[in-house]
Amino acid sequence: FSSFKMANLCGGTTPTRSPTDHEAMMVHNLQADVENKVGRKFEIFRLVELRTQLVAGTNYFLKIRVEEDDYIHVRMFESLPHTGETRTIVAVQENKGYGDPVEYF
C-alpha cells in the first residue's frame, strides 16, 4: 500500500495539511474550551495545519498559533454524527514552535 492509501484506512493518520475554511472555523469556535483546558487566554488563535485519524469518529491533531512565535498542539475528538455528542478537547501540548511536526499524541 502507498502511504496515501494507508493514511485513509481506519486508524491511520493523514499527512499534515493546511486546514479548510470549515476546519478553521470549527477550531476557532473551540478557543474558549482550549483556554479553559490550559488555564490561560490567547490573543491569537489560528489553525495552521492538521492531521486527522479516522476511528469511531475523527481525531484531529491541530497546530494552532497562539502568539507571534508560540504554538500549541491540540488533540480533539469528534464523535460520529449519530451519537449527538459534541467535540471534545482530549489533550493540549504547549510551548511548541512553527517547525514542530504535528504528530499523534
N, C-alpha and C. Protein backbone atom coordinates (compact mmCIF):
# COMPACT_ATOMS: atom_id res chain seq x y z
N PHE A 1 0.84 -1.19 0.00
CA PHE A 1 0.00 0.00 0.00
C PHE A 1 0.88 1.25 0.00
N SER A 2 0.43 2.24 -0.70
CA SER A 2 1.15 3.51 -0.65
C SER A 2 0.82 4.21 0.66
N SER A 3 1.62 5.22 1.02
CA SER A 3 1.35 5.94 2.27
C SER A 3 0.01 6.65 2.20
N PHE A 4 -0.42 7.07 1.01
CA PHE A 4 -1.71 7.73 0.87
C PHE A 4 -2.84 6.75 1.19
N LYS A 5 -2.75 5.56 0.66
CA LYS A 5 -3.79 4.56 0.94
C LYS A 5 -3.78 4.18 2.41
N MET A 6 -2.62 4.03 3.01
CA MET A 6 -2.53 3.66 4.42
C MET A 6 -3.14 4.75 5.30
N ALA A 7 -2.93 6.01 4.95
CA ALA A 7 -3.43 7.11 5.76
C ALA A 7 -4.95 7.15 5.76
N ASN A 8 -5.57 6.63 4.70
CA ASN A 8 -7.02 6.68 4.62
C ASN A 8 -7.69 5.45 5.22
N LEU A 9 -6.93 4.48 5.68
CA LEU A 9 -7.50 3.34 6.35
C LEU A 9 -7.89 3.73 7.76
N CYS A 10 -8.92 3.08 8.30
CA CYS A 10 -9.33 3.35 9.67
C CYS A 10 -8.14 3.13 10.61
N GLY A 11 -7.84 4.12 11.43
CA GLY A 11 -6.75 4.02 12.38
C GLY A 11 -5.48 4.74 11.95
N GLY A 12 -5.27 4.93 10.66
CA GLY A 12 -4.07 5.63 10.19
C GLY A 12 -4.29 7.14 10.19
N THR A 13 -3.21 7.89 10.38
CA THR A 13 -3.33 9.36 10.33
C THR A 13 -3.02 9.85 8.93
N THR A 14 -3.67 10.92 8.55
CA THR A 14 -3.42 11.53 7.25
C THR A 14 -2.11 12.29 7.29
N PRO A 15 -1.55 12.61 6.14
CA PRO A 15 -0.39 13.50 6.12
C PRO A 15 -0.79 14.89 6.65
N THR A 16 0.17 15.64 7.15
CA THR A 16 -0.09 17.00 7.61
C THR A 16 -0.51 17.85 6.42
N ARG A 17 -1.52 18.69 6.65
CA ARG A 17 -2.03 19.54 5.57
C ARG A 17 -2.56 20.85 6.13
N SER A 18 -2.81 21.79 5.24
CA SER A 18 -3.43 23.06 5.61
C SER A 18 -4.92 22.85 5.86
N PRO A 19 -5.50 23.66 6.73
CA PRO A 19 -6.92 23.48 7.03
C PRO A 19 -7.83 24.05 5.95
N THR A 20 -9.03 23.49 5.87
CA THR A 20 -10.07 24.07 5.03
C THR A 20 -10.69 25.23 5.81
N ASP A 21 -11.48 26.05 5.14
CA ASP A 21 -12.18 27.15 5.83
C ASP A 21 -13.10 26.59 6.91
N HIS A 22 -13.78 25.48 6.62
CA HIS A 22 -14.68 24.85 7.59
C HIS A 22 -13.92 24.41 8.84
N GLU A 23 -12.76 23.79 8.65
CA GLU A 23 -11.95 23.34 9.80
C GLU A 23 -11.44 24.52 10.61
N ALA A 24 -11.01 25.58 9.93
CA ALA A 24 -10.52 26.77 10.63
C ALA A 24 -11.63 27.38 11.50
N MET A 25 -12.85 27.43 10.99
CA MET A 25 -13.97 27.98 11.75
C MET A 25 -14.34 27.06 12.91
N MET A 26 -14.30 25.75 12.68
CA MET A 26 -14.60 24.78 13.72
C MET A 26 -13.64 24.96 14.91
N VAL A 27 -12.36 25.11 14.61
CA VAL A 27 -11.36 25.27 15.66
C VAL A 27 -11.49 26.63 16.33
N HIS A 28 -11.76 27.66 15.57
CA HIS A 28 -11.96 28.99 16.16
C HIS A 28 -13.06 28.95 17.22
N ASN A 29 -14.12 28.19 16.95
CA ASN A 29 -15.24 28.09 17.88
C ASN A 29 -14.89 27.30 19.15
N LEU A 30 -13.75 26.64 19.17
CA LEU A 30 -13.32 25.88 20.35
C LEU A 30 -12.31 26.62 21.22
N GLN A 31 -12.03 27.87 20.88
CA GLN A 31 -11.00 28.62 21.60
C GLN A 31 -11.25 28.65 23.10
N ALA A 32 -12.45 28.93 23.54
CA ALA A 32 -12.74 29.01 24.98
C ALA A 32 -12.51 27.67 25.66
N ASP A 33 -12.86 26.57 25.00
CA ASP A 33 -12.63 25.24 25.58
C ASP A 33 -11.15 24.97 25.77
N VAL A 34 -10.34 25.34 24.79
CA VAL A 34 -8.89 25.13 24.89
C VAL A 34 -8.32 26.04 25.97
N GLU A 35 -8.75 27.28 26.02
CA GLU A 35 -8.27 28.21 27.06
C GLU A 35 -8.59 27.66 28.45
N ASN A 36 -9.78 27.12 28.63
CA ASN A 36 -10.15 26.54 29.93
C ASN A 36 -9.28 25.33 30.25
N LYS A 37 -8.96 24.54 29.25
CA LYS A 37 -8.14 23.33 29.46
C LYS A 37 -6.73 23.69 29.93
N VAL A 38 -6.15 24.76 29.37
CA VAL A 38 -4.76 25.13 29.71
C VAL A 38 -4.68 26.22 30.77
N GLY A 39 -5.79 26.89 31.07
CA GLY A 39 -5.80 27.91 32.12
C GLY A 39 -5.20 29.25 31.72
N ARG A 40 -5.28 29.59 30.45
CA ARG A 40 -4.83 30.92 30.02
C ARG A 40 -5.58 31.36 28.77
N LYS A 41 -5.57 32.67 28.51
CA LYS A 41 -6.26 33.25 27.36
C LYS A 41 -5.27 33.47 26.23
N PHE A 42 -5.77 33.38 25.00
CA PHE A 42 -4.94 33.58 23.81
C PHE A 42 -5.47 34.77 23.02
N GLU A 43 -4.57 35.69 22.66
CA GLU A 43 -4.96 36.81 21.81
C GLU A 43 -5.07 36.38 20.36
N ILE A 44 -4.21 35.44 19.97
CA ILE A 44 -4.24 34.86 18.62
C ILE A 44 -4.68 33.42 18.79
N PHE A 45 -5.50 32.92 17.87
CA PHE A 45 -5.91 31.52 17.91
C PHE A 45 -6.23 31.11 16.47
N ARG A 46 -5.15 30.73 15.73
CA ARG A 46 -5.31 30.46 14.30
C ARG A 46 -4.78 29.08 13.97
N LEU A 47 -5.65 28.25 13.42
CA LEU A 47 -5.26 26.91 12.99
C LEU A 47 -4.30 27.03 11.81
N VAL A 48 -3.12 26.41 11.95
CA VAL A 48 -2.08 26.50 10.93
C VAL A 48 -2.05 25.24 10.06
N GLU A 49 -2.07 24.08 10.70
CA GLU A 49 -2.08 22.81 9.97
C GLU A 49 -2.65 21.71 10.85
N LEU A 50 -2.95 20.57 10.24
CA LEU A 50 -3.57 19.49 10.99
C LEU A 50 -3.35 18.16 10.31
N ARG A 51 -3.61 17.13 11.10
CA ARG A 51 -3.70 15.74 10.64
C ARG A 51 -4.99 15.20 11.21
N THR A 52 -5.55 14.19 10.58
CA THR A 52 -6.74 13.55 11.12
C THR A 52 -6.52 12.05 11.18
N GLN A 53 -7.33 11.42 12.02
CA GLN A 53 -7.30 9.97 12.17
C GLN A 53 -8.75 9.49 12.29
N LEU A 54 -9.14 8.60 11.38
CA LEU A 54 -10.49 8.05 11.40
C LEU A 54 -10.53 6.87 12.36
N VAL A 55 -11.35 6.98 13.40
CA VAL A 55 -11.56 5.91 14.38
C VAL A 55 -13.09 5.75 14.46
N ALA A 56 -13.66 5.57 15.62
CA ALA A 56 -15.11 5.58 15.78
C ALA A 56 -15.53 7.05 15.93
N GLY A 57 -15.22 7.82 14.93
CA GLY A 57 -15.31 9.27 14.90
C GLY A 57 -14.01 9.75 14.27
N THR A 58 -13.61 10.97 14.56
CA THR A 58 -12.38 11.51 14.00
C THR A 58 -11.55 12.17 15.08
N ASN A 59 -10.26 11.80 15.16
CA ASN A 59 -9.29 12.52 15.97
C ASN A 59 -8.67 13.59 15.09
N TYR A 60 -8.59 14.80 15.61
CA TYR A 60 -7.90 15.90 14.93
C TYR A 60 -6.66 16.23 15.73
N PHE A 61 -5.53 16.30 15.06
CA PHE A 61 -4.27 16.73 15.65
C PHE A 61 -3.96 18.08 15.03
N LEU A 62 -4.05 19.14 15.83
CA LEU A 62 -4.07 20.52 15.35
C LEU A 62 -2.85 21.31 15.80
N LYS A 63 -2.28 22.07 14.90
CA LYS A 63 -1.26 23.06 15.26
C LYS A 63 -1.91 24.43 15.20
N ILE A 64 -1.93 25.12 16.36
CA ILE A 64 -2.62 26.40 16.46
C ILE A 64 -1.63 27.47 16.92
N ARG A 65 -1.60 28.58 16.18
CA ARG A 65 -0.75 29.71 16.55
C ARG A 65 -1.47 30.51 17.63
N VAL A 66 -0.79 30.74 18.78
CA VAL A 66 -1.42 31.45 19.89
C VAL A 66 -0.68 32.74 20.26
N GLU A 67 0.52 32.92 19.76
CA GLU A 67 1.28 34.16 19.90
C GLU A 67 2.16 34.28 18.67
N GLU A 68 2.91 35.38 18.59
CA GLU A 68 3.76 35.60 17.40
C GLU A 68 4.63 34.39 17.09
N ASP A 69 5.32 33.85 18.08
CA ASP A 69 6.21 32.70 17.87
C ASP A 69 5.88 31.55 18.79
N ASP A 70 4.62 31.42 19.17
CA ASP A 70 4.22 30.35 20.09
C ASP A 70 3.03 29.59 19.50
N TYR A 71 3.14 28.28 19.56
CA TYR A 71 2.12 27.40 19.02
C TYR A 71 1.74 26.37 20.06
N ILE A 72 0.54 25.84 19.95
CA ILE A 72 0.13 24.71 20.75
C ILE A 72 -0.34 23.61 19.81
N HIS A 73 -0.27 22.38 20.27
CA HIS A 73 -0.84 21.26 19.54
C HIS A 73 -2.03 20.77 20.34
N VAL A 74 -3.14 20.57 19.68
CA VAL A 74 -4.38 20.18 20.33
C VAL A 74 -4.87 18.88 19.69
N ARG A 75 -5.25 17.95 20.54
CA ARG A 75 -5.92 16.73 20.06
C ARG A 75 -7.40 16.87 20.40
N MET A 76 -8.22 16.85 19.35
CA MET A 76 -9.66 16.99 19.50
C MET A 76 -10.34 15.75 18.93
N PHE A 77 -11.39 15.29 19.59
CA PHE A 77 -12.15 14.15 19.09
C PHE A 77 -13.54 14.60 18.71
N GLU A 78 -13.98 14.19 17.51
CA GLU A 78 -15.33 14.47 17.04
C GLU A 78 -16.03 13.13 16.84
N SER A 79 -17.11 12.92 17.60
CA SER A 79 -17.87 11.68 17.52
C SER A 79 -18.59 11.57 16.18
N LEU A 80 -19.02 10.37 15.87
CA LEU A 80 -19.85 10.17 14.69
C LEU A 80 -21.17 10.94 14.87
N PRO A 81 -21.73 11.46 13.79
CA PRO A 81 -22.91 12.32 13.90
C PRO A 81 -24.09 11.71 14.65
N HIS A 82 -24.32 10.43 14.51
CA HIS A 82 -25.50 9.82 15.13
C HIS A 82 -25.44 9.80 16.66
N THR A 83 -24.27 10.02 17.26
CA THR A 83 -24.15 9.99 18.72
C THR A 83 -24.71 11.24 19.37
N GLY A 84 -24.73 12.35 18.63
CA GLY A 84 -25.21 13.60 19.17
C GLY A 84 -24.25 14.27 20.14
N GLU A 85 -23.05 13.71 20.29
CA GLU A 85 -22.06 14.28 21.20
C GLU A 85 -21.34 15.45 20.55
N THR A 86 -20.76 16.32 21.39
CA THR A 86 -20.02 17.47 20.89
C THR A 86 -18.55 17.11 20.71
N ARG A 87 -17.82 18.03 20.16
CA ARG A 87 -16.37 17.84 20.02
C ARG A 87 -15.73 17.95 21.40
N THR A 88 -14.68 17.17 21.61
CA THR A 88 -14.01 17.12 22.91
C THR A 88 -12.53 17.43 22.74
N ILE A 89 -12.01 18.33 23.58
CA ILE A 89 -10.58 18.58 23.62
C ILE A 89 -9.97 17.48 24.49
N VAL A 90 -9.17 16.61 23.89
CA VAL A 90 -8.61 15.46 24.60
C VAL A 90 -7.32 15.85 25.32
N ALA A 91 -6.44 16.58 24.63
CA ALA A 91 -5.14 16.93 25.20
C ALA A 91 -4.59 18.16 24.50
N VAL A 92 -3.71 18.87 25.21
CA VAL A 92 -3.04 20.05 24.66
C VAL A 92 -1.56 19.97 24.99
N GLN A 93 -0.73 20.20 23.99
CA GLN A 93 0.72 20.30 24.20
C GLN A 93 1.10 21.76 23.99
N GLU A 94 1.71 22.38 25.01
CA GLU A 94 2.08 23.78 24.92
C GLU A 94 3.56 23.93 24.57
N ASN A 95 3.97 25.19 24.37
CA ASN A 95 5.37 25.55 24.09
C ASN A 95 5.90 24.87 22.84
N LYS A 96 5.13 24.89 21.79
CA LYS A 96 5.54 24.34 20.51
C LYS A 96 5.98 25.47 19.59
N GLY A 97 6.80 25.13 18.61
CA GLY A 97 7.24 26.11 17.62
C GLY A 97 6.66 25.79 16.26
N TYR A 98 6.84 26.71 15.33
CA TYR A 98 6.31 26.51 13.98
C TYR A 98 6.86 25.24 13.35
N GLY A 99 8.12 24.94 13.60
CA GLY A 99 8.77 23.78 12.98
C GLY A 99 8.46 22.45 13.64
N ASP A 100 7.77 22.46 14.78
CA ASP A 100 7.44 21.19 15.44
C ASP A 100 6.36 20.46 14.65
N PRO A 101 6.62 19.22 14.26
CA PRO A 101 5.64 18.49 13.46
C PRO A 101 4.40 18.12 14.27
N VAL A 102 3.26 18.10 13.59
CA VAL A 102 2.01 17.66 14.21
C VAL A 102 2.02 16.14 14.17
N GLU A 103 2.03 15.52 15.34
CA GLU A 103 2.12 14.07 15.42
C GLU A 103 1.03 13.54 16.34
N TYR A 104 0.81 12.24 16.28
CA TYR A 104 -0.14 11.59 17.17
C TYR A 104 0.32 11.76 18.62
N PHE A 105 -0.59 12.13 19.49
CA PHE A 105 -0.30 12.18 20.93
C PHE A 105 -1.58 11.92 21.70
